[in-house]
N, C-alpha and C. Protein backbone atom coordinates (compact mmCIF):
# COMPACT_ATOMS: atom_id res chain seq x y z
N MET A 1 -116.88 14.77 46.98
CA MET A 1 -115.99 13.73 46.53
C MET A 1 -116.62 12.39 46.85
N ILE A 2 -116.89 11.65 45.80
CA ILE A 2 -117.41 10.30 45.99
C ILE A 2 -116.25 9.33 45.83
N GLY A 3 -115.90 8.65 46.90
CA GLY A 3 -114.78 7.72 46.89
C GLY A 3 -113.53 8.36 47.47
N GLN A 4 -112.94 7.72 48.46
CA GLN A 4 -111.76 8.26 49.12
C GLN A 4 -110.61 7.27 49.13
N GLY A 5 -110.44 6.57 48.01
CA GLY A 5 -109.24 5.76 47.83
C GLY A 5 -108.09 6.71 47.52
N ALA A 6 -107.02 6.21 46.97
CA ALA A 6 -105.84 7.04 46.70
C ALA A 6 -106.17 8.25 45.82
N ILE A 7 -106.88 8.04 44.74
CA ILE A 7 -107.22 9.14 43.82
C ILE A 7 -108.18 10.11 44.49
N GLY A 8 -109.19 9.60 45.19
CA GLY A 8 -110.13 10.46 45.88
C GLY A 8 -109.47 11.34 46.93
N LEU A 9 -108.54 10.77 47.68
CA LEU A 9 -107.82 11.56 48.69
C LEU A 9 -106.96 12.64 48.05
N ILE A 10 -106.36 12.33 46.92
CA ILE A 10 -105.57 13.35 46.20
C ILE A 10 -106.48 14.50 45.78
N PHE A 11 -107.64 14.17 45.21
CA PHE A 11 -108.59 15.22 44.83
C PHE A 11 -109.05 16.02 46.04
N THR A 12 -109.31 15.36 47.16
CA THR A 12 -109.72 16.06 48.38
C THR A 12 -108.66 17.07 48.80
N MET A 13 -107.40 16.65 48.78
CA MET A 13 -106.31 17.57 49.15
C MET A 13 -106.19 18.72 48.17
N LEU A 14 -106.32 18.44 46.88
CA LEU A 14 -106.21 19.49 45.87
C LEU A 14 -107.36 20.48 45.96
N LEU A 15 -108.54 20.00 46.24
CA LEU A 15 -109.72 20.87 46.31
C LEU A 15 -109.75 21.73 47.56
N LYS A 16 -109.19 21.24 48.65
CA LYS A 16 -109.32 21.92 49.94
C LYS A 16 -108.95 23.40 49.87
N GLY A 17 -107.89 23.75 49.25
CA GLY A 17 -107.48 25.16 49.20
C GLY A 17 -108.11 25.95 48.07
N ARG A 18 -108.94 25.29 47.26
CA ARG A 18 -109.46 25.94 46.07
C ARG A 18 -110.97 26.16 46.06
N VAL A 19 -111.67 25.47 46.94
CA VAL A 19 -113.13 25.62 47.02
C VAL A 19 -113.53 25.91 48.46
N ASP A 20 -114.75 26.34 48.63
CA ASP A 20 -115.23 26.73 49.96
C ASP A 20 -115.28 25.56 50.93
N ARG A 21 -115.90 24.44 50.50
CA ARG A 21 -116.04 23.27 51.36
C ARG A 21 -115.90 21.99 50.56
N VAL A 22 -115.35 20.98 51.20
CA VAL A 22 -115.23 19.66 50.58
C VAL A 22 -115.95 18.66 51.48
N TYR A 23 -116.86 17.90 50.89
CA TYR A 23 -117.55 16.81 51.58
C TYR A 23 -117.16 15.52 50.89
N ALA A 24 -117.06 14.45 51.64
CA ALA A 24 -116.59 13.18 51.07
C ALA A 24 -117.51 12.03 51.48
N THR A 25 -117.51 11.00 50.63
CA THR A 25 -118.21 9.77 50.97
C THR A 25 -117.29 8.59 50.69
N ASP A 26 -117.43 7.56 51.50
CA ASP A 26 -116.75 6.29 51.26
C ASP A 26 -117.39 5.25 52.18
N THR A 27 -117.34 4.01 51.76
CA THR A 27 -117.94 2.95 52.57
C THR A 27 -117.00 2.45 53.67
N PHE A 28 -115.71 2.78 53.59
CA PHE A 28 -114.74 2.34 54.59
C PHE A 28 -114.48 3.46 55.61
N ALA A 29 -114.62 3.13 56.89
CA ALA A 29 -114.41 4.11 57.96
C ALA A 29 -113.00 4.70 57.92
N SER A 30 -112.00 3.87 57.64
CA SER A 30 -110.62 4.37 57.62
C SER A 30 -110.42 5.42 56.53
N ARG A 31 -111.07 5.24 55.40
CA ARG A 31 -110.95 6.22 54.32
C ARG A 31 -111.70 7.51 54.65
N ARG A 32 -112.82 7.40 55.34
CA ARG A 32 -113.53 8.61 55.76
C ARG A 32 -112.68 9.39 56.75
N SER A 33 -112.00 8.69 57.62
CA SER A 33 -111.10 9.33 58.59
C SER A 33 -109.96 10.04 57.87
N GLN A 34 -109.39 9.37 56.89
CA GLN A 34 -108.31 9.98 56.10
C GLN A 34 -108.81 11.21 55.34
N ALA A 35 -110.04 11.14 54.85
CA ALA A 35 -110.61 12.29 54.12
C ALA A 35 -110.66 13.52 55.01
N ILE A 36 -111.07 13.34 56.26
CA ILE A 36 -111.11 14.45 57.21
C ILE A 36 -109.69 14.99 57.43
N GLN A 37 -108.73 14.10 57.59
CA GLN A 37 -107.34 14.52 57.78
C GLN A 37 -106.79 15.26 56.55
N CYS A 38 -107.32 14.92 55.38
CA CYS A 38 -106.85 15.54 54.14
C CYS A 38 -107.62 16.80 53.78
N GLY A 39 -108.58 17.20 54.62
CA GLY A 39 -109.23 18.47 54.40
C GLY A 39 -110.73 18.46 54.19
N ALA A 40 -111.36 17.31 54.13
CA ALA A 40 -112.82 17.29 53.99
C ALA A 40 -113.46 17.78 55.30
N GLU A 41 -114.51 18.57 55.16
CA GLU A 41 -115.22 19.05 56.35
C GLU A 41 -116.04 17.94 57.00
N GLU A 42 -116.65 17.12 56.16
CA GLU A 42 -117.49 16.02 56.62
C GLU A 42 -117.22 14.83 55.72
N ALA A 43 -117.40 13.63 56.24
CA ALA A 43 -117.27 12.41 55.45
C ALA A 43 -118.32 11.41 55.92
N TRP A 44 -119.10 10.89 54.98
CA TRP A 44 -120.21 10.00 55.32
C TRP A 44 -120.12 8.67 54.61
N ASN A 45 -120.78 7.67 55.21
CA ASN A 45 -120.92 6.36 54.58
C ASN A 45 -122.22 6.39 53.77
N PRO A 46 -122.14 6.31 52.45
CA PRO A 46 -123.36 6.41 51.64
C PRO A 46 -124.30 5.21 51.79
N LEU A 47 -123.82 4.12 52.36
CA LEU A 47 -124.67 2.95 52.55
C LEU A 47 -125.56 3.07 53.78
N THR A 48 -125.14 3.88 54.74
CA THR A 48 -125.88 3.97 56.01
C THR A 48 -126.37 5.37 56.34
N GLU A 49 -125.96 6.36 55.57
CA GLU A 49 -126.34 7.74 55.89
C GLU A 49 -127.02 8.40 54.69
N ASN A 50 -127.88 9.34 54.97
CA ASN A 50 -128.57 10.10 53.93
C ASN A 50 -127.68 11.25 53.49
N VAL A 51 -126.79 10.98 52.55
CA VAL A 51 -125.82 11.98 52.09
C VAL A 51 -126.54 13.18 51.49
N THR A 52 -127.54 12.95 50.68
CA THR A 52 -128.29 14.07 50.08
C THR A 52 -128.89 14.95 51.15
N GLY A 53 -129.47 14.34 52.17
CA GLY A 53 -130.04 15.11 53.27
C GLY A 53 -129.00 15.94 54.00
N HIS A 54 -127.84 15.34 54.27
CA HIS A 54 -126.75 16.08 54.93
C HIS A 54 -126.34 17.29 54.07
N ILE A 55 -126.14 17.04 52.79
CA ILE A 55 -125.71 18.13 51.89
C ILE A 55 -126.75 19.25 51.86
N LEU A 56 -128.01 18.89 51.72
CA LEU A 56 -129.05 19.92 51.66
C LEU A 56 -129.13 20.69 52.98
N ASP A 57 -128.98 20.00 54.10
CA ASP A 57 -128.99 20.69 55.40
C ASP A 57 -127.82 21.66 55.52
N LEU A 58 -126.64 21.23 55.10
CA LEU A 58 -125.44 22.05 55.24
C LEU A 58 -125.38 23.21 54.24
N THR A 59 -126.13 23.12 53.16
CA THR A 59 -126.07 24.16 52.12
C THR A 59 -127.37 24.95 52.02
N ASN A 60 -128.17 24.91 53.07
CA ASN A 60 -129.44 25.65 53.08
C ASN A 60 -130.32 25.25 51.89
N GLN A 61 -130.38 23.95 51.60
CA GLN A 61 -131.19 23.36 50.54
C GLN A 61 -130.70 23.69 49.12
N ARG A 62 -129.52 24.24 48.99
CA ARG A 62 -128.98 24.64 47.70
C ARG A 62 -128.29 23.51 46.96
N GLY A 63 -127.64 22.61 47.67
CA GLY A 63 -126.87 21.55 47.04
C GLY A 63 -125.45 21.98 46.76
N VAL A 64 -124.75 21.18 46.01
CA VAL A 64 -123.34 21.46 45.71
C VAL A 64 -123.18 21.90 44.26
N ASP A 65 -122.07 22.54 43.98
CA ASP A 65 -121.78 23.01 42.62
C ASP A 65 -121.06 21.95 41.78
N LEU A 66 -120.34 21.05 42.44
CA LEU A 66 -119.50 20.10 41.71
C LEU A 66 -119.44 18.79 42.48
N VAL A 67 -119.55 17.69 41.75
CA VAL A 67 -119.37 16.37 42.34
C VAL A 67 -118.30 15.66 41.52
N ILE A 68 -117.29 15.13 42.19
CA ILE A 68 -116.23 14.36 41.53
C ILE A 68 -116.37 12.92 42.00
N VAL A 69 -116.42 12.01 41.05
CA VAL A 69 -116.54 10.60 41.36
C VAL A 69 -115.17 9.94 41.18
N ALA A 70 -114.64 9.40 42.27
CA ALA A 70 -113.36 8.70 42.25
C ALA A 70 -113.56 7.32 42.86
N ALA A 71 -114.66 6.69 42.51
CA ALA A 71 -115.00 5.37 43.04
C ALA A 71 -114.84 4.33 41.94
N SER A 72 -114.50 3.14 42.33
CA SER A 72 -114.36 2.08 41.33
C SER A 72 -115.73 1.65 40.85
N ALA A 73 -115.74 1.07 39.68
CA ALA A 73 -117.03 0.70 39.06
C ALA A 73 -117.62 -0.51 39.66
């Protein structure tokens, strides 16, 4: 989940019971915290962290099956 504003958090909650793992990104610490509370396993700041590296490490270099973008333009 890219973006954890209102729509992103709704998607995070909806996905939690339907997929194996949910990872989230957002530039605001408060939104990353909310993402964890809403069911994301991990939440990163894409401006300061290597999100691709984290994903590849957590998925044994496989990557993810689906990316949902809920970020403003």
